[in-house]
Amino acid sequence: MRSAFLPSQRLRHVARVIAGGGVVAYPTEAVFGLGCDPWNGDAVARILSMKRRDAAKGLILIASDPSQLDPFVLSLDADRMAEIRASWPGPNTWLLPARSQTPRWLTGRFDTLAVRVTAHPIAAALCRIYGGAVVSTSANQAGRHPARTALQVRLALDEPPDAILAGPCVGSDQPSCIRDGRTGRMLRP
């Protein structure tokens, strides 16, 4: 499938970078994200270093389809999952119980994992072409303003990502809201 913004050849290249253990930057609904293969601990460690982010905070995964999140999280009861799925695709991140095999480098100090099905055409196309969920954390150093353009990504980080998908951030002016999947309580508006 082709993104409305990028040729599929560029998306395939960036998906190969992820599969090869690289770190990439890409636009999401509100900000540019840094992403990698969530199963690759070295790539995740590199993102945390680039951001100067505390590993205990955990990370977010994005997907193009809820099934791409199944290897990482457990389902809740039918009513809770119906509410969660009704909010996707979109800038709605939910904390769901992590599976026992979900790496600690994703969950940090928590027993949950932050997950989202993205509505952004480039980010969703990247997940589809890669064939799974990818890490998604804002492309900036901790405590600094998130990058909203490819140029800002280059300026925000001491170490550049291995590839950048240029494109507009569309869909939201604020980073995704984060809600507790078990209760529905808003944790970050």
C-alpha atoms as a PDB file:
ATOM      1  CA  MET A   1       0.000   0.000   0.000  1.00  0.00           C
ATOM      2  CA  ARG A   2       1.249   3.492  -0.750  1.00  0.00           C
ATOM      3  CA  SER A   3       1.268   6.519   1.516  1.00  0.00           C
ATOM      4  CA  ALA A   4      -0.322   9.674   0.178  1.00  0.00           C
ATOM      5  CA  PHE A   5       2.966  11.480   0.860  1.00  0.00           C
ATOM      6  CA  LEU A   6       5.849   9.137   0.045  1.00  0.00           C
ATOM      7  CA  PRO A   7       6.767   6.719  -2.715  1.00  0.00           C
ATOM      8  CA  SER A   8       6.621   3.112  -1.598  1.00  0.00           C
ATOM      9  CA  GLN A   9      10.303   2.629  -2.522  1.00  0.00           C
ATOM     10  CA  ARG A  10      11.385   5.076   0.221  1.00  0.00           C
ATOM     11  CA  LEU A  11       9.067   3.401   2.738  1.00  0.00           C
ATOM     12  CA  ARG A  12      10.508  -0.019   1.848  1.00  0.00           C
ATOM     13  CA  HIS A  13      14.037   1.311   2.336  1.00  0.00           C
ATOM     14  CA  VAL A  14      13.215   2.700   5.793  1.00  0.00           C
ATOM     15  CA  ALA A  15      11.449  -0.544   6.761  1.00  0.00           C
ATOM     16  CA  ARG A  16      14.655  -2.407   5.805  1.00  0.00           C
ATOM     17  CA  VAL A  17      16.659  -0.027   8.005  1.00  0.00           C
ATOM     18  CA  ILE A  18      14.394  -0.954  10.937  1.00  0.00           C
ATOM     19  CA  ALA A  19      14.669  -4.670  10.149  1.00  0.00           C
ATOM     20  CA  GLY A  20      18.457  -4.306  10.048  1.00  0.00           C
ATOM     21  CA  GLY A  21      18.590  -2.865  13.560  1.00  0.00           C
ATOM     22  CA  GLY A  22      18.577   0.805  12.628  1.00  0.00           C
ATOM     23  CA  VAL A  23      16.867   3.818  14.135  1.00  0.00           C
ATOM     24  CA  VAL A  24      14.566   5.947  11.987  1.00  0.00           C
ATOM     25  CA  ALA A  25      12.587   9.169  12.333  1.00  0.00           C
ATOM     26  CA  TYR A  26       9.137   9.675  10.846  1.00  0.00           C
ATOM     27  CA  PRO A  27       6.172  12.029  11.166  1.00  0.00           C
ATOM     28  CA  THR A  28       3.211  11.110  13.354  1.00  0.00           C
ATOM     29  CA  GLU A  29      -0.039  12.905  14.079  1.00  0.00           C
ATOM     30  CA  ALA A  30       1.609  15.669  16.163  1.00  0.00           C
ATOM     31  CA  VAL A  31       5.406  15.276  16.243  1.00  0.00           C
ATOM     32  CA  PHE A  32       8.239  13.352  14.623  1.00  0.00           C
ATOM     33  CA  GLY A  33       8.919  10.014  16.226  1.00  0.00           C
ATOM     34  CA  LEU A  34      12.050   7.951  16.609  1.00  0.00           C
ATOM     35  CA  GLY A  35      11.446   4.311  15.894  1.00  0.00           C
ATOM     36  CA  CYS A  36      13.069   0.917  15.674  1.00  0.00           C
ATOM     37  CA  ASP A  37      12.335  -2.795  15.930  1.00  0.00           C
ATOM     38  CA  PRO A  38      10.814  -3.209  19.412  1.00  0.00           C
ATOM     39  CA  TRP A  39      12.459  -6.644  19.811  1.00  0.00           C
ATOM     40  CA  ASN A  40      15.941  -5.208  19.181  1.00  0.00           C
ATOM     41  CA  GLY A  41      17.394  -4.179  22.554  1.00  0.00           C
ATOM     42  CA  ASP A  42      20.460  -2.545  21.004  1.00  0.00           C
ATOM     43  CA  ALA A  43      18.321  -0.319  18.761  1.00  0.00           C
ATOM     44  CA  VAL A  44      16.080   0.640  21.684  1.00  0.00           C
ATOM     45  CA  ALA A  45      19.152   1.426  23.814  1.00  0.00           C
ATOM     46  CA  ARG A  46      20.417   3.654  21.035  1.00  0.00           C
ATOM     47  CA  ILE A  47      17.119   5.588  20.952  1.00  0.00           C
ATOM     48  CA  LEU A  48      17.218   6.036  24.718  1.00  0.00           C
ATOM     49  CA  SER A  49      20.799   7.322  24.440  1.00  0.00           C
ATOM     50  CA  MET A  50      19.916   9.684  21.575  1.00  0.00           C
ATOM     51  CA  LYS A  51      17.055  11.106  23.636  1.00  0.00           C
ATOM     52  CA  ARG A  52      18.901  10.983  26.971  1.00  0.00           C
ATOM     53  CA  ARG A  53      15.754   9.266  28.235  1.00  0.00           C
ATOM     54  CA  ASP A  54      15.459   7.219  31.407  1.00  0.00           C
ATOM     55  CA  ALA A  55      14.790   3.583  30.424  1.00  0.00           C
ATOM     56  CA  ALA A  56      12.498   3.177  33.450  1.00  0.00           C
ATOM     57  CA  LYS A  57       9.878   5.410  31.791  1.00  0.00           C
ATOM     58  CA  GLY A  58       9.046   2.859  29.100  1.00  0.00           C
ATOM     59  CA  LEU A  59       8.188   3.552  25.468  1.00  0.00           C
ATOM     60  CA  ILE A  60       5.223   3.637  23.101  1.00  0.00           C
ATOM     61  CA  LEU A  61       4.620   1.247  20.213  1.00  0.00           C
ATOM     62  CA  ILE A  62       2.632   2.261  17.162  1.00  0.00           C
ATOM     63  CA  ALA A  63       0.978  -0.049  14.677  1.00  0.00           C
ATOM     64  CA  SER A  64      -1.113   0.138  11.532  1.00  0.00           C
ATOM     65  CA  ASP A  65      -3.506  -2.512  12.843  1.00  0.00           C
ATOM     66  CA  PRO A  66      -4.379  -3.727  16.358  1.00  0.00           C
ATOM     67  CA  SER A  67      -3.178  -7.245  15.494  1.00  0.00           C
ATOM     68  CA  GLN A  68       0.402  -5.902  15.239  1.00  0.00           C
ATOM     69  CA  LEU A  69       0.222  -5.151  18.974  1.00  0.00           C
ATOM     70  CA  ASP A  70      -0.935  -8.650  19.985  1.00  0.00           C
ATOM     71  CA  PRO A  71       2.608 -10.042  20.532  1.00  0.00           C
ATOM     72  CA  PHE A  72       3.227  -7.342  23.158  1.00  0.00           C
ATOM     73  CA  VAL A  73      -0.013  -6.816  25.111  1.00  0.00           C
ATOM     74  CA  LEU A  74      -2.888  -8.752  26.611  1.00  0.00           C
ATOM     75  CA  SER A  75      -6.523  -8.012  25.841  1.00  0.00           C
ATOM     76  CA  LEU A  76      -8.864  -6.671  28.464  1.00  0.00           C
ATOM     77  CA  ASP A  77     -12.554  -7.510  28.811  1.00  0.00           C
ATOM     78  CA  ALA A  78     -14.731  -7.034  25.726  1.00  0.00           C
ATOM     79  CA  ASP A  79     -16.240  -3.689  26.800  1.00  0.00           C
ATOM     80  CA  ARG A  80     -12.845  -2.121  27.570  1.00  0.00           C
ATOM     81  CA  MET A  81     -11.353  -3.404  24.313  1.00  0.00           C
ATOM     82  CA  ALA A  82     -14.350  -2.087  22.356  1.00  0.00           C
ATOM     83  CA  GLU A  83     -13.718   1.414  23.763  1.00  0.00           C
ATOM     84  CA  ILE A  84     -10.020   1.199  22.990  1.00  0.00           C
ATOM     85  CA  ARG A  85     -10.502  -0.077  19.445  1.00  0.00           C
ATOM     86  CA  ALA A  86     -13.159   2.576  18.778  1.00  0.00           C
ATOM     87  CA  SER A  87     -10.520   5.259  19.470  1.00  0.00           C
ATOM     88  CA  TRP A  88      -8.190   3.848  16.791  1.00  0.00           C
ATOM     89  CA  PRO A  89      -6.751   4.722  14.420  1.00  0.00           C
ATOM     90  CA  GLY A  90      -5.880   8.063  15.933  1.00  0.00           C
ATOM     91  CA  PRO A  91      -3.716   9.930  18.443  1.00  0.00           C
ATOM     92  CA  ASN A  92      -4.939   7.833  21.377  1.00  0.00           C
ATOM     93  CA  THR A  93      -2.347   5.859  23.324  1.00  0.00           C
ATOM     94  CA  TRP A  94      -3.522   3.223  25.796  1.00  0.00           C
ATOM     95  CA  LEU A  95      -1.651   1.460  28.577  1.00  0.00           C
ATOM     96  CA  LEU A  96      -2.427  -2.242  28.291  1.00  0.00           C
ATOM     97  CA  PRO A  97      -1.096  -5.172  30.339  1.00  0.00           C
ATOM     98  CA  ALA A  98       2.212  -6.324  28.883  1.00  0.00           C
ATOM     99  CA  ARG A  99       2.703  -9.966  27.971  1.00  0.00           C
ATOM    100  CA  SER A 100       5.322 -11.798  30.012  1.00  0.00           C
ATOM    101  CA  GLN A 101       7.642 -11.979  26.972  1.00  0.00           C
ATOM    102  CA  THR A 102       7.470  -8.216  26.299  1.00  0.00           C
ATOM    103  CA  PRO A 103      10.977  -6.849  26.816  1.00  0.00           C
ATOM    104  CA  ARG A 104      11.610  -4.654  29.857  1.00  0.00           C
ATOM    105  CA  TRP A 105      13.323  -2.130  27.589  1.00  0.00           C
ATOM    106  CA  LEU A 106       9.802  -1.359  26.290  1.00  0.00           C
ATOM    107  CA  THR A 107       7.819  -1.387  29.533  1.00  0.00           C
ATOM    108  CA  GLY A 108      10.411   0.206  31.807  1.00  0.00           C
ATOM    109  CA  ARG A 109       9.346  -0.084  35.444  1.00  0.00           C
ATOM    110  CA  PHE A 110       5.715  -0.828  34.534  1.00  0.00           C
ATOM    111  CA  ASP A 111       3.659  -3.976  33.968  1.00  0.00           C
ATOM    112  CA  THR A 112       1.865  -2.214  31.117  1.00  0.00           C
ATOM    113  CA  LEU A 113       2.892  -1.054  27.657  1.00  0.00           C
ATOM    114  CA  ALA A 114       1.781   2.123  25.895  1.00  0.00           C
ATOM    115  CA  VAL A 115       0.326   1.269  22.463  1.00  0.00           C
ATOM    116  CA  ARG A 116      -1.443   3.113  19.652  1.00  0.00           C
ATOM    117  CA  VAL A 117      -2.812   2.390  16.203  1.00  0.00           C
ATOM    118  CA  THR A 118      -1.724   5.434  14.263  1.00  0.00           C
ATOM    119  CA  ALA A 119      -3.884   7.333  11.792  1.00  0.00           C
ATOM    120  CA  HIS A 120      -0.893   9.091  10.243  1.00  0.00           C
ATOM    121  CA  PRO A 121      -0.558   7.839   6.651  1.00  0.00           C
ATOM    122  CA  ILE A 122       3.254   7.697   6.654  1.00  0.00           C
ATOM    123  CA  ALA A 123       3.613   6.095  10.083  1.00  0.00           C
ATOM    124  CA  ALA A 124       0.845   3.577   9.305  1.00  0.00           C
ATOM    125  CA  ALA A 125       2.380   2.736   5.919  1.00  0.00           C
ATOM    126  CA  LEU A 126       5.759   2.227   7.588  1.00  0.00           C
ATOM    127  CA  CYS A 127       4.242  -0.263  10.055  1.00  0.00           C
ATOM    128  CA  ARG A 128       2.421  -2.088   7.235  1.00  0.00           C
ATOM    129  CA  ILE A 129       5.529  -2.372   5.077  1.00  0.00           C
ATOM    130  CA  TYR A 130       7.749  -3.284   8.027  1.00  0.00           C
ATOM    131  CA  GLY A 131       5.165  -5.888   8.985  1.00  0.00           C
ATOM    132  CA  GLY A 132       4.715  -5.036  12.643  1.00  0.00           C
ATOM    133  CA  ALA A 133       4.629  -2.496  15.408  1.00  0.00           C
ATOM    134  CA  VAL A 134       7.534  -0.084  15.840  1.00  0.00           C
ATOM    135  CA  VAL A 135       8.820   1.944  18.752  1.00  0.00           C
ATOM    136  CA  SER A 136       7.522   5.506  18.699  1.00  0.00           C
ATOM    137  CA  THR A 137       8.983   8.138  20.978  1.00  0.00           C
ATOM    138  CA  SER A 138       9.270  11.829  20.234  1.00  0.00           C
ATOM    139  CA  ALA A 139      12.351  12.862  18.275  1.00  0.00           C
ATOM    140  CA  ASN A 140      13.981  15.157  20.808  1.00  0.00           C
ATOM    141  CA  GLN A 141      16.223  15.058  23.819  1.00  0.00           C
ATOM    142  CA  ALA A 142      14.390  14.580  27.108  1.00  0.00           C
ATOM    143  CA  GLY A 143      12.914  17.818  28.398  1.00  0.00           C
ATOM    144  CA  ARG A 144      13.178  19.628  25.056  1.00  0.00           C
ATOM    145  CA  HIS A 145      10.451  20.470  22.549  1.00  0.00           C
ATOM    146  CA  PRO A 146       9.608  17.624  20.141  1.00  0.00           C
ATOM    147  CA  ALA A 147      10.635  17.985  16.502  1.00  0.00           C
ATOM    148  CA  ARG A 148       7.821  18.682  14.042  1.00  0.00           C
ATOM    149  CA  THR A 149       9.913  18.629  10.839  1.00  0.00           C
ATOM    150  CA  ALA A 150      12.724  16.542   9.391  1.00  0.00           C
ATOM    151  CA  LEU A 151      15.091  19.521   9.762  1.00  0.00           C
ATOM    152  CA  GLN A 152      14.178  19.880  13.443  1.00  0.00           C
ATOM    153  CA  VAL A 153      14.986  16.170  13.914  1.00  0.00           C
ATOM    154  CA  ARG A 154      18.473  16.743  12.527  1.00  0.00           C
ATOM    155  CA  LEU A 155      18.987  19.750  14.827  1.00  0.00           C
ATOM    156  CA  ALA A 156      17.463  18.189  17.959  1.00  0.00           C
ATOM    157  CA  LEU A 157      19.728  15.171  18.309  1.00  0.00           C
ATOM    158  CA  ASP A 158      23.484  14.877  18.741  1.00  0.00           C
ATOM    159  CA  GLU A 159      23.422  11.559  16.867  1.00  0.00           C
ATOM    160  CA  PRO A 160      21.271  11.430  13.729  1.00  0.00           C
ATOM    161  CA  PRO A 161      18.922   8.538  13.007  1.00  0.00           C
ATOM    162  CA  ASP A 162      19.894   6.131  10.231  1.00  0.00           C
ATOM    163  CA  ALA A 163      17.005   7.309   8.055  1.00  0.00           C
ATOM    164  CA  ILE A 164      14.385  10.056   8.126  1.00  0.00           C
ATOM    165  CA  LEU A 165      11.018   9.931   6.396  1.00  0.00           C
ATOM    166  CA  ALA A 166      10.191  13.538   5.601  1.00  0.00           C
ATOM    167  CA  GLY A 167       6.554  14.539   5.642  1.00  0.00           C
ATOM    168  CA  PRO A 168       4.033  16.642   7.507  1.00  0.00           C
ATOM    169  CA  CYS A 169       2.755  15.970  10.997  1.00  0.00           C
ATOM    170  CA  VAL A 170      -1.017  15.906  10.537  1.00  0.00           C
ATOM    171  CA  GLY A 171      -3.973  15.158  12.730  1.00  0.00           C
ATOM    172  CA  SER A 172      -3.177  16.782  16.068  1.00  0.00           C
ATOM    173  CA  ASP A 173      -1.453  19.793  17.592  1.00  0.00           C
ATOM    174  CA  GLN A 174      -0.561  17.914  20.797  1.00  0.00           C
ATOM    175  CA  PRO A 175       1.198  14.600  21.439  1.00  0.00           C
ATOM    176  CA  SER A 176      -1.182  11.665  21.785  1.00  0.00           C
ATOM    177  CA  CYS A 177      -3.289  11.456  24.898  1.00  0.00           C
ATOM    178  CA  ILE A 178      -2.410   8.532  27.156  1.00  0.00           C
ATOM    179  CA  ARG A 179      -5.122   6.604  28.980  1.00  0.00           C
ATOM    180  CA  ASP A 180      -5.163   3.645  31.318  1.00  0.00           C
ATOM    181  CA  GLY A 181      -6.735   0.755  29.405  1.00  0.00           C
ATOM    182  CA  ARG A 182      -8.059  -0.896  32.556  1.00  0.00           C
ATOM    183  CA  THR A 183      -9.949   2.159  33.839  1.00  0.00           C
ATOM    184  CA  GLY A 184     -10.162   4.588  30.923  1.00  0.00           C
ATOM    185  CA  ARG A 185      -8.623   7.275  33.167  1.00  0.00           C
ATOM    186  CA  MET A 186      -6.740  10.032  31.313  1.00  0.00           C
ATOM    187  CA  LEU A 187      -3.045  10.131  32.272  1.00  0.00           C
ATOM    188  CA  ARG A 188      -1.868  12.700  29.705  1.00  0.00           C
ATOM    189  CA  PRO A 189      -4.384  14.948  27.958  1.00  0.00           C
END
